[in-house]
Amino acid sequence: MTAVFLVPLAPMLVFGAIDPQQGLLQQLAMRSHSAAENFGIARFASEPLRLVNFTADVGSYFALAQGEGMRVGWMHVVAAPPLAWCVAVVVARAFGRRIGSPVSLACGAVVATFFVVSVLLYRQFPSGNYAPLHEVLGVAAASAIVDVARLAFRARPSRSIVAAAGGVAVVCVASTATLLTRSDFGRRVTMSMNAVAVRAAAEHLRGEAEALPLYSTTYNLAGVFDALGRGRVHTVDMHDVLDRCSTSADIDACLVATWTRVLVPERLPIRVVVPSRTGLVDKPLEIAPRTDPSLYAAAEALGLIVSDEGSFATAAGVPVIALRRVGVR
């Protein structure tokens, strides 16, 4: 039986073995290190709130990424019991007690598994990103309500159907209301990943007659303009190179030196996209606010010209992306 579950992993293992960069081994080493560092009571104790928070208010994840606090409200009270029920079904079945439906069991198993993965294997901030389970969380809520309605009206099946339908309807209305008030991401997300700003920048780049190389400086935009450029935009991701300066004794000097090595006459002119506003998910975090000033400092030292090609804003008019052009005088 174990072999059946291992068969889908075979292609990954084969490609991992022949990968010259040994990416799979690097991932295993990184995740093992994360698990060793994350294993602790405090981490496990705080994760349930993150799970409930994501389920109750998906928009809050972006608020946390921008440095805002978690806003616990009535929707959290609505979201918590169904999740707890589905996980309880898994625990009860593990000890031989058959409660809950197969759907609740499946949802509980997936949620519990991803819970452990999130606690041990991830080091991101904000933590508790349960986006891959978005649909599972909704199914779990509905399944838990149906289970409880069946238990409450065991002797009156017709009433259990009405109760379940009413409970699911209440949760749907509550979730929709929360989503409508918190999900205007085009206005609320004031970071470089804002979709309105990104699309505007991509449209500008596609319309430029001169298709220059585009140097991207934040993890949030890695590959984004390649995807939206429709073959006209080709990026060079700089965030990993810039990240090496985060451990330097003098970060600013290191960044200027890095740009100096990049801004050689043979490569110019180029375009550089930088975040106008940074959030806690702009990686490298220590580097992002210094990227633009260090670019200007290096260009000035080399006698180059940096011109502002455009500023791109959220739907609320907040600038979040700046586009620079660097060339010779």
C-alpha atoms as a PDB file:
ATOM      1  CA  MET A   1       0.000   0.000   0.000  1.00  0.00           C
ATOM      2  CA  THR A   2       2.868   2.362   0.799  1.00  0.00           C
ATOM      3  CA  ALA A   3       4.201   1.918  -2.736  1.00  0.00           C
ATOM      4  CA  VAL A   4       0.959   3.376  -4.136  1.00  0.00           C
ATOM      5  CA  PHE A   5       1.635   6.651  -2.342  1.00  0.00           C
ATOM      6  CA  LEU A   6       5.297   6.691  -3.372  1.00  0.00           C
ATOM      7  CA  VAL A   7       4.620   6.318  -7.121  1.00  0.00           C
ATOM      8  CA  PRO A   8       3.562   9.986  -7.635  1.00  0.00           C
ATOM      9  CA  LEU A   9       6.794  11.059  -5.918  1.00  0.00           C
ATOM     10  CA  ALA A  10       8.985   9.115  -8.337  1.00  0.00           C
ATOM     11  CA  PRO A  11       9.349  11.884 -10.993  1.00  0.00           C
ATOM     12  CA  MET A  12      10.278  14.426  -8.315  1.00  0.00           C
ATOM     13  CA  LEU A  13      12.879  12.085  -6.843  1.00  0.00           C
ATOM     14  CA  VAL A  14      14.354  11.315 -10.269  1.00  0.00           C
ATOM     15  CA  PHE A  15      14.632  14.966 -11.290  1.00  0.00           C
ATOM     16  CA  GLY A  16      15.912  15.827  -7.816  1.00  0.00           C
ATOM     17  CA  ALA A  17      18.691  13.271  -8.207  1.00  0.00           C
ATOM     18  CA  ILE A  18      19.823  14.580 -11.608  1.00  0.00           C
ATOM     19  CA  ASP A  19      19.391  18.271 -10.797  1.00  0.00           C
ATOM     20  CA  PRO A  20      22.909  19.776 -10.974  1.00  0.00           C
ATOM     21  CA  GLN A  21      21.892  22.458  -8.472  1.00  0.00           C
ATOM     22  CA  GLN A  22      20.617  19.827  -6.026  1.00  0.00           C
ATOM     23  CA  GLY A  23      17.571  21.949  -5.290  1.00  0.00           C
ATOM     24  CA  LEU A  24      15.672  19.107  -3.610  1.00  0.00           C
ATOM     25  CA  LEU A  25      18.509  18.458  -1.174  1.00  0.00           C
ATOM     26  CA  GLN A  26      18.753  22.171  -0.454  1.00  0.00           C
ATOM     27  CA  GLN A  27      15.028  22.292   0.290  1.00  0.00           C
ATOM     28  CA  LEU A  28      15.268  19.267   2.570  1.00  0.00           C
ATOM     29  CA  ALA A  29      18.153  20.858   4.460  1.00  0.00           C
ATOM     30  CA  MET A  30      16.375  24.215   4.749  1.00  0.00           C
ATOM     31  CA  ARG A  31      13.079  22.679   5.910  1.00  0.00           C
ATOM     32  CA  SER A  32      14.854  20.433   8.416  1.00  0.00           C
ATOM     33  CA  HIS A  33      16.598  23.458   9.857  1.00  0.00           C
ATOM     34  CA  SER A  34      13.281  25.336  10.045  1.00  0.00           C
ATOM     35  CA  ALA A  35      11.605  22.399  11.808  1.00  0.00           C
ATOM     36  CA  ALA A  36      14.354  22.249  14.420  1.00  0.00           C
ATOM     37  CA  GLU A  37      14.112  26.002  15.096  1.00  0.00           C
ATOM     38  CA  ASN A  38      10.301  26.198  15.055  1.00  0.00           C
ATOM     39  CA  PHE A  39       9.598  23.215  17.273  1.00  0.00           C
ATOM     40  CA  GLY A  40       8.310  24.655  20.526  1.00  0.00           C
ATOM     41  CA  ILE A  41       5.203  25.172  22.639  1.00  0.00           C
ATOM     42  CA  ALA A  42       4.870  28.865  21.802  1.00  0.00           C
ATOM     43  CA  ARG A  43       4.788  28.200  18.077  1.00  0.00           C
ATOM     44  CA  PHE A  44       2.157  25.477  18.349  1.00  0.00           C
ATOM     45  CA  ALA A  45       0.090  27.542  20.802  1.00  0.00           C
ATOM     46  CA  SER A  46      -0.105  30.630  18.593  1.00  0.00           C
ATOM     47  CA  GLU A  47      -0.781  28.869  15.286  1.00  0.00           C
ATOM     48  CA  PRO A  48      -4.487  28.060  15.934  1.00  0.00           C
ATOM     49  CA  LEU A  49      -5.243  31.790  16.109  1.00  0.00           C
ATOM     50  CA  ARG A  50      -3.468  32.298  12.785  1.00  0.00           C
ATOM     51  CA  LEU A  51      -5.482  29.482  11.224  1.00  0.00           C
ATOM     52  CA  VAL A  52      -8.775  30.888  12.495  1.00  0.00           C
ATOM     53  CA  ASN A  53      -7.745  34.398  11.484  1.00  0.00           C
ATOM     54  CA  PHE A  54      -7.048  33.370   7.883  1.00  0.00           C
ATOM     55  CA  THR A  55     -10.318  31.441   7.723  1.00  0.00           C
ATOM     56  CA  ALA A  56     -12.343  34.330   9.154  1.00  0.00           C
ATOM     57  CA  ASP A  57     -10.707  37.232   7.351  1.00  0.00           C
ATOM     58  CA  VAL A  58      -8.458  36.465   4.382  1.00  0.00           C
ATOM     59  CA  GLY A  59      -7.911  40.194   3.830  1.00  0.00           C
ATOM     60  CA  SER A  60      -6.204  40.497   7.202  1.00  0.00           C
ATOM     61  CA  TYR A  61      -3.203  38.621   5.818  1.00  0.00           C
ATOM     62  CA  PHE A  62      -2.336  41.626   3.673  1.00  0.00           C
ATOM     63  CA  ALA A  63      -2.915  43.927   6.639  1.00  0.00           C
ATOM     64  CA  LEU A  64      -0.424  41.897   8.688  1.00  0.00           C
ATOM     65  CA  ALA A  65       2.054  42.024   5.809  1.00  0.00           C
ATOM     66  CA  GLN A  66       1.855  45.813   5.951  1.00  0.00           C
ATOM     67  CA  GLY A  67       2.609  45.891   9.674  1.00  0.00           C
ATOM     68  CA  GLU A  68      -0.950  46.258  10.944  1.00  0.00           C
ATOM     69  CA  GLY A  69      -2.262  44.235  13.855  1.00  0.00           C
ATOM     70  CA  MET A  70      -4.664  41.309  13.832  1.00  0.00           C
ATOM     71  CA  ARG A  71      -8.278  42.410  14.188  1.00  0.00           C
ATOM     72  CA  VAL A  72     -10.197  39.706  16.027  1.00  0.00           C
ATOM     73  CA  GLY A  73     -13.941  40.061  15.460  1.00  0.00           C
ATOM     74  CA  TRP A  74     -17.215  38.200  15.446  1.00  0.00           C
ATOM     75  CA  MET A  75     -16.325  36.289  12.274  1.00  0.00           C
ATOM     76  CA  HIS A  76     -13.477  34.612  14.152  1.00  0.00           C
ATOM     77  CA  VAL A  77     -16.053  33.268  16.624  1.00  0.00           C
ATOM     78  CA  VAL A  78     -18.087  31.921  13.703  1.00  0.00           C
ATOM     79  CA  ALA A  79     -15.093  30.316  11.973  1.00  0.00           C
ATOM     80  CA  ALA A  80     -13.418  28.616  14.935  1.00  0.00           C
ATOM     81  CA  PRO A  81     -15.986  25.931  15.942  1.00  0.00           C
ATOM     82  CA  PRO A  82     -16.267  24.234  12.498  1.00  0.00           C
ATOM     83  CA  LEU A  83     -12.481  23.934  12.224  1.00  0.00           C
ATOM     84  CA  ALA A  84     -12.264  22.574  15.760  1.00  0.00           C
ATOM     85  CA  TRP A  85     -14.987  20.045  14.976  1.00  0.00           C
ATOM     86  CA  CYS A  86     -13.268  18.690  11.852  1.00  0.00           C
ATOM     87  CA  VAL A  87      -9.969  18.271  13.690  1.00  0.00           C
ATOM     88  CA  ALA A  88     -11.835  16.624  16.589  1.00  0.00           C
ATOM     89  CA  VAL A  89     -13.326  14.140  14.114  1.00  0.00           C
ATOM     90  CA  VAL A  90      -9.796  13.175  13.045  1.00  0.00           C
ATOM     91  CA  VAL A  91      -8.669  12.702  16.655  1.00  0.00           C
ATOM     92  CA  ALA A  92     -11.792  10.719  17.574  1.00  0.00           C
ATOM     93  CA  ARG A  93     -11.443   8.418  14.570  1.00  0.00           C
ATOM     94  CA  ALA A  94      -7.777   7.862  15.421  1.00  0.00           C
ATOM     95  CA  PHE A  95      -8.940   6.478  18.784  1.00  0.00           C
ATOM     96  CA  GLY A  96     -11.626   4.307  17.202  1.00  0.00           C
ATOM     97  CA  ARG A  97     -14.677   6.474  17.808  1.00  0.00           C
ATOM     98  CA  ARG A  98     -16.728   7.078  14.660  1.00  0.00           C
ATOM     99  CA  ILE A  99     -18.114  10.593  14.767  1.00  0.00           C
ATOM    100  CA  GLY A 100     -18.658  13.083  11.976  1.00  0.00           C
ATOM    101  CA  SER A 101     -18.984  12.512   8.260  1.00  0.00           C
ATOM    102  CA  PRO A 102     -16.255  11.339   5.862  1.00  0.00           C
ATOM    103  CA  VAL A 103     -16.143  14.873   4.468  1.00  0.00           C
ATOM    104  CA  SER A 104     -15.407  16.313   7.900  1.00  0.00           C
ATOM    105  CA  LEU A 105     -12.779  13.638   8.415  1.00  0.00           C
ATOM    106  CA  ALA A 106     -11.082  14.468   5.114  1.00  0.00           C
ATOM    107  CA  CYS A 107     -11.180  18.226   5.762  1.00  0.00           C
ATOM    108  CA  GLY A 108      -9.890  17.762   9.295  1.00  0.00           C
ATOM    109  CA  ALA A 109      -7.012  15.582   8.079  1.00  0.00           C
ATOM    110  CA  VAL A 110      -5.970  18.135   5.459  1.00  0.00           C
ATOM    111  CA  VAL A 111      -6.240  21.075   7.887  1.00  0.00           C
ATOM    112  CA  ALA A 112      -4.338  19.244  10.639  1.00  0.00           C
ATOM    113  CA  THR A 113      -1.581  18.209   8.220  1.00  0.00           C
ATOM    114  CA  PHE A 114      -1.139  21.712   6.831  1.00  0.00           C
ATOM    115  CA  PHE A 115      -1.228  23.081  10.385  1.00  0.00           C
ATOM    116  CA  VAL A 116       1.817  20.999  11.297  1.00  0.00           C
ATOM    117  CA  VAL A 117       3.542  21.933   8.025  1.00  0.00           C
ATOM    118  CA  SER A 118       2.907  25.640   8.636  1.00  0.00           C
ATOM    119  CA  VAL A 119       4.180  25.441  12.209  1.00  0.00           C
ATOM    120  CA  LEU A 120       7.348  23.492  11.525  1.00  0.00           C
ATOM    121  CA  LEU A 121       8.463  24.056   7.941  1.00  0.00           C
ATOM    122  CA  TYR A 122       7.759  27.732   7.259  1.00  0.00           C
ATOM    123  CA  ARG A 123       9.659  30.793   8.433  1.00  0.00           C
ATOM    124  CA  GLN A 124       7.755  33.424   6.467  1.00  0.00           C
ATOM    125  CA  PHE A 125       6.110  36.537   7.844  1.00  0.00           C
ATOM    126  CA  PRO A 126       3.236  36.856   8.289  1.00  0.00           C
ATOM    127  CA  SER A 127       3.027  33.205   9.217  1.00  0.00           C
ATOM    128  CA  GLY A 128      -0.190  31.242   9.014  1.00  0.00           C
ATOM    129  CA  ASN A 129      -0.775  31.579   5.274  1.00  0.00           C
ATOM    130  CA  TYR A 130      -3.449  28.970   4.618  1.00  0.00           C
ATOM    131  CA  ALA A 131      -4.226  30.136   1.081  1.00  0.00           C
ATOM    132  CA  PRO A 132      -3.753  26.622  -0.419  1.00  0.00           C
ATOM    133  CA  LEU A 133      -6.631  25.450   1.823  1.00  0.00           C
ATOM    134  CA  HIS A 134      -9.050  28.242   0.928  1.00  0.00           C
ATOM    135  CA  GLU A 135     -11.686  25.922  -0.566  1.00  0.00           C
ATOM    136  CA  VAL A 136     -11.046  23.204   2.022  1.00  0.00           C
ATOM    137  CA  LEU A 137     -11.778  25.659   4.843  1.00  0.00           C
ATOM    138  CA  GLY A 138     -15.132  26.522   3.285  1.00  0.00           C
ATOM    139  CA  VAL A 139     -16.073  22.872   2.818  1.00  0.00           C
ATOM    140  CA  ALA A 140     -14.984  22.146   6.401  1.00  0.00           C
ATOM    141  CA  ALA A 141     -17.295  24.837   7.759  1.00  0.00           C
ATOM    142  CA  ALA A 142     -20.285  23.509   5.825  1.00  0.00           C
ATOM    143  CA  SER A 143     -19.556  19.879   6.677  1.00  0.00           C
ATOM    144  CA  ALA A 144     -19.220  20.636  10.394  1.00  0.00           C
ATOM    145  CA  ILE A 145     -22.552  22.478  10.416  1.00  0.00           C
ATOM    146  CA  VAL A 146     -24.258  19.523   8.707  1.00  0.00           C
ATOM    147  CA  ASP A 147     -22.724  17.095  11.232  1.00  0.00           C
ATOM    148  CA  VAL A 148     -23.879  19.133  14.218  1.00  0.00           C
ATOM    149  CA  ALA A 149     -27.369  19.568  12.760  1.00  0.00           C
ATOM    150  CA  ARG A 150     -27.667  15.803  12.316  1.00  0.00           C
ATOM    151  CA  LEU A 151     -26.617  15.225  15.921  1.00  0.00           C
ATOM    152  CA  ALA A 152     -28.956  17.880  17.292  1.00  0.00           C
ATOM    153  CA  PHE A 153     -31.981  16.630  15.351  1.00  0.00           C
ATOM    154  CA  ARG A 154     -31.204  12.942  15.176  1.00  0.00           C
ATOM    155  CA  ALA A 155     -34.831  12.015  15.722  1.00  0.00           C
ATOM    156  CA  ARG A 156     -36.139  14.555  13.181  1.00  0.00           C
ATOM    157  CA  PRO A 157     -34.107  14.256   9.958  1.00  0.00           C
ATOM    158  CA  SER A 158     -36.251  16.835   8.172  1.00  0.00           C
ATOM    159  CA  ARG A 159     -35.412  19.433  10.802  1.00  0.00           C
ATOM    160  CA  SER A 160     -31.719  18.608  10.563  1.00  0.00           C
ATOM    161  CA  ILE A 161     -31.809  19.482   6.872  1.00  0.00           C
ATOM    162  CA  VAL A 162     -33.462  22.838   7.572  1.00  0.00           C
ATOM    163  CA  ALA A 163     -31.053  23.563  10.422  1.00  0.00           C
ATOM    164  CA  ALA A 164     -28.019  22.645   8.325  1.00  0.00           C
ATOM    165  CA  ALA A 165     -29.167  24.762   5.396  1.00  0.00           C
ATOM    166  CA  GLY A 166     -29.836  27.698   7.711  1.00  0.00           C
ATOM    167  CA  GLY A 167     -26.469  27.371   9.413  1.00  0.00           C
ATOM    168  CA  VAL A 168     -24.568  27.171   6.134  1.00  0.00           C
ATOM    169  CA  ALA A 169     -26.502  30.186   4.822  1.00  0.00           C
ATOM    170  CA  VAL A 170     -25.580  32.237   7.906  1.00  0.00           C
ATOM    171  CA  VAL A 171     -21.894  31.398   7.539  1.00  0.00           C
ATOM    172  CA  CYS A 172     -21.984  32.200   3.803  1.00  0.00           C
ATOM    173  CA  VAL A 173     -23.604  35.586   4.417  1.00  0.00           C
ATOM    174  CA  ALA A 174     -21.183  36.396   7.241  1.00  0.00           C
ATOM    175  CA  SER A 175     -18.161  35.363   5.160  1.00  0.00           C
ATOM    176  CA  THR A 176     -19.359  37.331   2.144  1.00  0.00           C
ATOM    177  CA  ALA A 177     -19.942  40.436   4.256  1.00  0.00           C
ATOM    178  CA  THR A 178     -16.433  40.215   5.698  1.00  0.00           C
ATOM    179  CA  LEU A 179     -14.938  39.638   2.273  1.00  0.00           C
ATOM    180  CA  LEU A 180     -16.737  42.607   0.720  1.00  0.00           C
ATOM    181  CA  THR A 181     -15.589  44.972   3.456  1.00  0.00           C
ATOM    182  CA  ARG A 182     -11.982  43.762   3.535  1.00  0.00           C
ATOM    183  CA  SER A 183     -11.161  42.504   0.065  1.00  0.00           C
ATOM    184  CA  ASP A 184     -10.692  45.657  -1.984  1.00  0.00           C
ATOM    185  CA  PHE A 185      -7.050  44.741  -2.395  1.00  0.00           C
ATOM    186  CA  GLY A 186      -6.562  47.221  -5.223  1.00  0.00           C
ATOM    187  CA  ARG A 187      -7.022  50.002  -2.655  1.00  0.00           C
ATOM    188  CA  ARG A 188      -5.935  48.361   0.597  1.00  0.00           C
ATOM    189  CA  VAL A 189      -2.652  46.723  -0.414  1.00  0.00           C
ATOM    190  CA  THR A 190      -0.077  49.510  -0.263  1.00  0.00           C
ATOM    191  CA  MET A 191       2.942  47.436  -1.274  1.00  0.00           C
ATOM    192  CA  SER A 192       4.704  46.754  -4.544  1.00  0.00           C
ATOM    193  CA  MET A 193       2.559  43.632  -5.128  1.00  0.00           C
ATOM    194  CA  ASN A 194      -0.578  45.766  -5.567  1.00  0.00           C
ATOM    195  CA  ALA A 195      -2.301  44.338  -8.646  1.00  0.00           C
ATOM    196  CA  VAL A 196      -3.497  47.707  -9.967  1.00  0.00           C
ATOM    197  CA  ALA A 197      -0.008  49.197  -9.813  1.00  0.00           C
ATOM    198  CA  VAL A 198       1.642  46.082 -11.242  1.00  0.00           C
ATOM    199  CA  ARG A 199      -0.715  45.970 -14.223  1.00  0.00           C
ATOM    200  CA  ALA A 200      -0.184  49.665 -14.897  1.00  0.00           C
ATOM    201  CA  ALA A 201       3.585  49.232 -14.786  1.00  0.00           C
ATOM    202  CA  ALA A 202       3.409  46.203 -17.085  1.00  0.00           C
ATOM    203  CA  GLU A 203       1.260  48.114 -19.568  1.00  0.00           C
ATOM    204  CA  HIS A 204       3.764  50.978 -19.536  1.00  0.00           C
ATOM    205  CA  LEU A 205       6.670  48.605 -20.167  1.00  0.00           C
ATOM    206  CA  ARG A 206       4.880  46.828 -22.994  1.00  0.00           C
ATOM    207  CA  GLY A 207       4.222  50.158 -24.665  1.00  0.00           C
ATOM    208  CA  GLU A 208       7.826  51.345 -24.562  1.00  0.00           C
ATOM    209  CA  ALA A 209       9.511  51.407 -27.960  1.00  0.00           C
ATOM    210  CA  GLU A 210      12.871  50.490 -26.419  1.00  0.00           C
ATOM    211  CA  ALA A 211      12.670  47.067 -24.750  1.00  0.00           C
ATOM    212  CA  LEU A 212      15.478  47.422 -22.217  1.00  0.00           C
ATOM    213  CA  PRO A 213      16.427  44.791 -19.622  1.00  0.00           C
ATOM    214  CA  LEU A 214      14.400  45.270 -16.451  1.00  0.00           C
ATOM    215  CA  TYR A 215      16.167  44.736 -13.131  1.00  0.00           C
ATOM    216  CA  SER A 216      13.704  43.678 -10.416  1.00  0.00           C
ATOM    217  CA  THR A 217      14.804  44.366  -6.845  1.00  0.00           C
ATOM    218  CA  THR A 218      12.175  42.762  -4.606  1.00  0.00           C
ATOM    219  CA  TYR A 219      11.058  39.173  -4.148  1.00  0.00           C
ATOM    220  CA  ASN A 220       7.431  40.292  -4.477  1.00  0.00           C
ATOM    221  CA  LEU A 221       7.946  41.174  -8.143  1.00  0.00           C
ATOM    222  CA  ALA A 222      10.154  38.243  -9.133  1.00  0.00           C
ATOM    223  CA  GLY A 223       8.900  36.926 -12.471  1.00  0.00           C
ATOM    224  CA  VAL A 224       5.821  39.169 -12.413  1.00  0.00           C
ATOM    225  CA  PHE A 225       6.754  41.413 -15.323  1.00  0.00           C
ATOM    226  CA  ASP A 226       7.990  38.453 -17.366  1.00  0.00           C
ATOM    227  CA  ALA A 227       4.505  36.986 -16.966  1.00  0.00           C
ATOM    228  CA  LEU A 228       2.674  40.233 -17.772  1.00  0.00           C
ATOM    229  CA  GLY A 229       5.098  41.480 -20.405  1.00  0.00           C
ATOM    230  CA  ARG A 230       3.735  39.286 -23.220  1.00  0.00           C
ATOM    231  CA  GLY A 231       7.200  38.612 -24.528  1.00  0.00           C
ATOM    232  CA  ARG A 232       8.322  42.246 -24.552  1.00  0.00           C
ATOM    233  CA  VAL A 233       9.654  42.459 -20.998  1.00  0.00           C
ATOM    234  CA  HIS A 234      12.648  40.450 -19.817  1.00  0.00           C
ATOM    235  CA  THR A 235      13.701  40.806 -16.203  1.00  0.00           C
ATOM    236  CA  VAL A 236      16.839  40.195 -14.209  1.00  0.00           C
ATOM    237  CA  ASP A 237      15.963  39.305 -10.610  1.00  0.00           C
ATOM    238  CA  MET A 238      18.319  41.177  -8.303  1.00  0.00           C
ATOM    239  CA  HIS A 239      16.813  40.426  -4.895  1.00  0.00           C
ATOM    240  CA  ASP A 240      19.027  37.410  -4.186  1.00  0.00           C
ATOM    241  CA  VAL A 241      22.156  39.370  -5.097  1.00  0.00           C
ATOM    242  CA  LEU A 242      21.094  42.350  -2.998  1.00  0.00           C
ATOM    243  CA  ASP A 243      20.205  40.053  -0.103  1.00  0.00           C
ATOM    244  CA  ARG A 244      23.881  39.186   0.348  1.00  0.00           C
ATOM    245  CA  CYS A 245      24.359  42.673   1.748  1.00  0.00           C
ATOM    246  CA  SER A 246      21.935  42.024   4.620  1.00  0.00           C
ATOM    247  CA  THR A 247      24.736  40.396   6.627  1.00  0.00           C
ATOM    248  CA  SER A 248      27.265  43.107   5.819  1.00  0.00           C
ATOM    249  CA  ALA A 249      28.591  45.371   8.568  1.00  0.00           C
ATOM    250  CA  ASP A 250      27.798  48.356   6.341  1.00  0.00           C
ATOM    251  CA  ILE A 251      24.663  47.515   4.327  1.00  0.00           C
ATOM    252  CA  ASP A 252      24.549  50.820   2.457  1.00  0.00           C
ATOM    253  CA  ALA A 253      28.171  50.592   1.316  1.00  0.00           C
ATOM    254  CA  CYS A 254      27.630  46.982   0.246  1.00  0.00           C
ATOM    255  CA  LEU A 255      24.587  47.942  -1.814  1.00  0.00           C
ATOM    256  CA  VAL A 256      26.423  50.774  -3.543  1.00  0.00           C
ATOM    257  CA  ALA A 257      29.276  48.398  -4.352  1.00  0.00           C
ATOM    258  CA  THR A 258      26.813  45.841  -5.735  1.00  0.00           C
ATOM    259  CA  TRP A 259      25.175  48.424  -8.000  1.00  0.00           C
ATOM    260  CA  THR A 260      28.605  49.603  -9.092  1.00  0.00           C
ATOM    261  CA  ARG A 261      29.376  46.111 -10.372  1.00  0.00           C
ATOM    262  CA  VAL A 262      26.037  45.986 -12.196  1.00  0.00           C
ATOM    263  CA  LEU A 263      26.091  49.442 -13.794  1.00  0.00           C
ATOM    264  CA  VAL A 264      28.888  48.855 -16.282  1.00  0.00           C
ATOM    265  CA  PRO A 265      28.645  50.774 -19.580  1.00  0.00           C
ATOM    266  CA  GLU A 266      28.325  47.583 -21.642  1.00  0.00           C
ATOM    267  CA  ARG A 267      24.996  46.760 -19.922  1.00  0.00           C
ATOM    268  CA  LEU A 268      23.474  50.231 -20.152  1.00  0.00           C
ATOM    269  CA  PRO A 269      20.891  51.550 -20.574  1.00  0.00           C
ATOM    270  CA  ILE A 270      18.704  49.468 -18.253  1.00  0.00           C
ATOM    271  CA  ARG A 271      15.501  49.893 -16.309  1.00  0.00           C
ATOM    272  CA  VAL A 272      15.222  49.200 -12.601  1.00  0.00           C
ATOM    273  CA  VAL A 273      11.934  48.651 -10.777  1.00  0.00           C
ATOM    274  CA  VAL A 274      11.972  49.495  -7.064  1.00  0.00           C
ATOM    275  CA  PRO A 275       9.282  49.538  -4.357  1.00  0.00           C
ATOM    276  CA  SER A 276       8.116  53.043  -3.406  1.00  0.00           C
ATOM    277  CA  ARG A 277       6.562  51.658  -0.220  1.00  0.00           C
ATOM    278  CA  THR A 278       7.774  48.526   1.504  1.00  0.00           C
ATOM    279  CA  GLY A 279       5.959  45.975   3.609  1.00  0.00           C
ATOM    280  CA  LEU A 280       7.106  43.198   5.871  1.00  0.00           C
ATOM    281  CA  VAL A 281       7.030  40.777   2.937  1.00  0.00           C
ATOM    282  CA  ASP A 282       9.344  42.827   0.715  1.00  0.00           C
ATOM    283  CA  LYS A 283      12.357  40.560   0.689  1.00  0.00           C
ATOM    284  CA  PRO A 284      15.112  41.218   1.474  1.00  0.00           C
ATOM    285  CA  LEU A 285      13.453  43.229   4.269  1.00  0.00           C
ATOM    286  CA  GLU A 286      16.582  45.078   5.393  1.00  0.00           C
ATOM    287  CA  ILE A 287      17.455  45.921   1.799  1.00  0.00           C
ATOM    288  CA  ALA A 288      14.179  47.051   0.212  1.00  0.00           C
ATOM    289  CA  PRO A 289      14.032  50.580   1.697  1.00  0.00           C
ATOM    290  CA  ARG A 290      17.692  51.162   0.776  1.00  0.00           C
ATOM    291  CA  THR A 291      17.471  49.945  -2.830  1.00  0.00           C
ATOM    292  CA  ASP A 292      16.550  53.215  -4.510  1.00  0.00           C
ATOM    293  CA  PRO A 293      18.969  55.470  -2.571  1.00  0.00           C
ATOM    294  CA  SER A 294      21.862  53.057  -3.159  1.00  0.00           C
ATOM    295  CA  LEU A 295      21.077  52.943  -6.893  1.00  0.00           C
ATOM    296  CA  TYR A 296      21.233  56.733  -7.109  1.00  0.00           C
ATOM    297  CA  ALA A 297      24.446  56.843  -5.040  1.00  0.00           C
ATOM    298  CA  ALA A 298      26.201  54.291  -7.243  1.00  0.00           C
ATOM    299  CA  ALA A 299      25.074  56.005 -10.450  1.00  0.00           C
ATOM    300  CA  GLU A 300      26.259  59.387  -9.201  1.00  0.00           C
ATOM    301  CA  ALA A 301      29.658  57.980  -8.279  1.00  0.00           C
ATOM    302  CA  LEU A 302      29.967  56.484 -11.768  1.00  0.00           C
ATOM    303  CA  GLY A 303      28.815  59.643 -13.531  1.00  0.00           C
ATOM    304  CA  LEU A 304      25.659  57.992 -14.852  1.00  0.00           C
ATOM    305  CA  ILE A 305      22.157  59.416 -15.268  1.00  0.00           C
ATOM    306  CA  VAL A 306      19.169  58.026 -13.381  1.00  0.00           C
ATOM    307  CA  SER A 307      15.834  59.230 -14.687  1.00  0.00           C
ATOM    308  CA  ASP A 308      12.375  58.615 -13.303  1.00  0.00           C
ATOM    309  CA  GLU A 309      10.359  56.797 -15.959  1.00  0.00           C
ATOM    310  CA  GLY A 310       7.186  56.394 -13.980  1.00  0.00           C
ATOM    311  CA  SER A 311       5.417  55.961 -10.689  1.00  0.00           C
ATOM    312  CA  PHE A 312       2.589  53.460 -10.339  1.00  0.00           C
ATOM    313  CA  ALA A 313      -0.066  53.677  -7.656  1.00  0.00           C
ATOM    314  CA  THR A 314      -2.840  51.715  -5.999  1.00  0.00           C
ATOM    315  CA  ALA A 315      -6.489  52.277  -6.842  1.00  0.00           C
ATOM    316  CA  ALA A 316      -6.486  54.776  -3.963  1.00  0.00           C
ATOM    317  CA  GLY A 317      -3.635  56.733  -5.543  1.00  0.00           C
ATOM    318  CA  VAL A 318      -0.833  55.593  -3.215  1.00  0.00           C
ATOM    319  CA  PRO A 319       2.473  55.205  -5.159  1.00  0.00           C
ATOM    320  CA  VAL A 320       3.951  51.745  -4.582  1.00  0.00           C
ATOM    321  CA  ILE A 321       6.207  51.085  -7.593  1.00  0.00           C
ATOM    322  CA  ALA A 322       8.846  53.319  -9.158  1.00  0.00           C
ATOM    323  CA  LEU A 323      10.553  52.745 -12.482  1.00  0.00           C
ATOM    324  CA  ARG A 324      14.071  54.090 -13.046  1.00  0.00           C
ATOM    325  CA  ARG A 325      16.158  54.260 -16.206  1.00  0.00           C
ATOM    326  CA  VAL A 326      19.940  54.250 -15.859  1.00  0.00           C
ATOM    327  CA  GLY A 327      22.121  55.337 -18.763  1.00  0.00           C
ATOM    328  CA  VAL A 328      25.338  57.101 -19.666  1.00  0.00           C
ATOM    329  CA  ARG A 329      25.531  60.865 -19.926  1.00  0.00           C
END
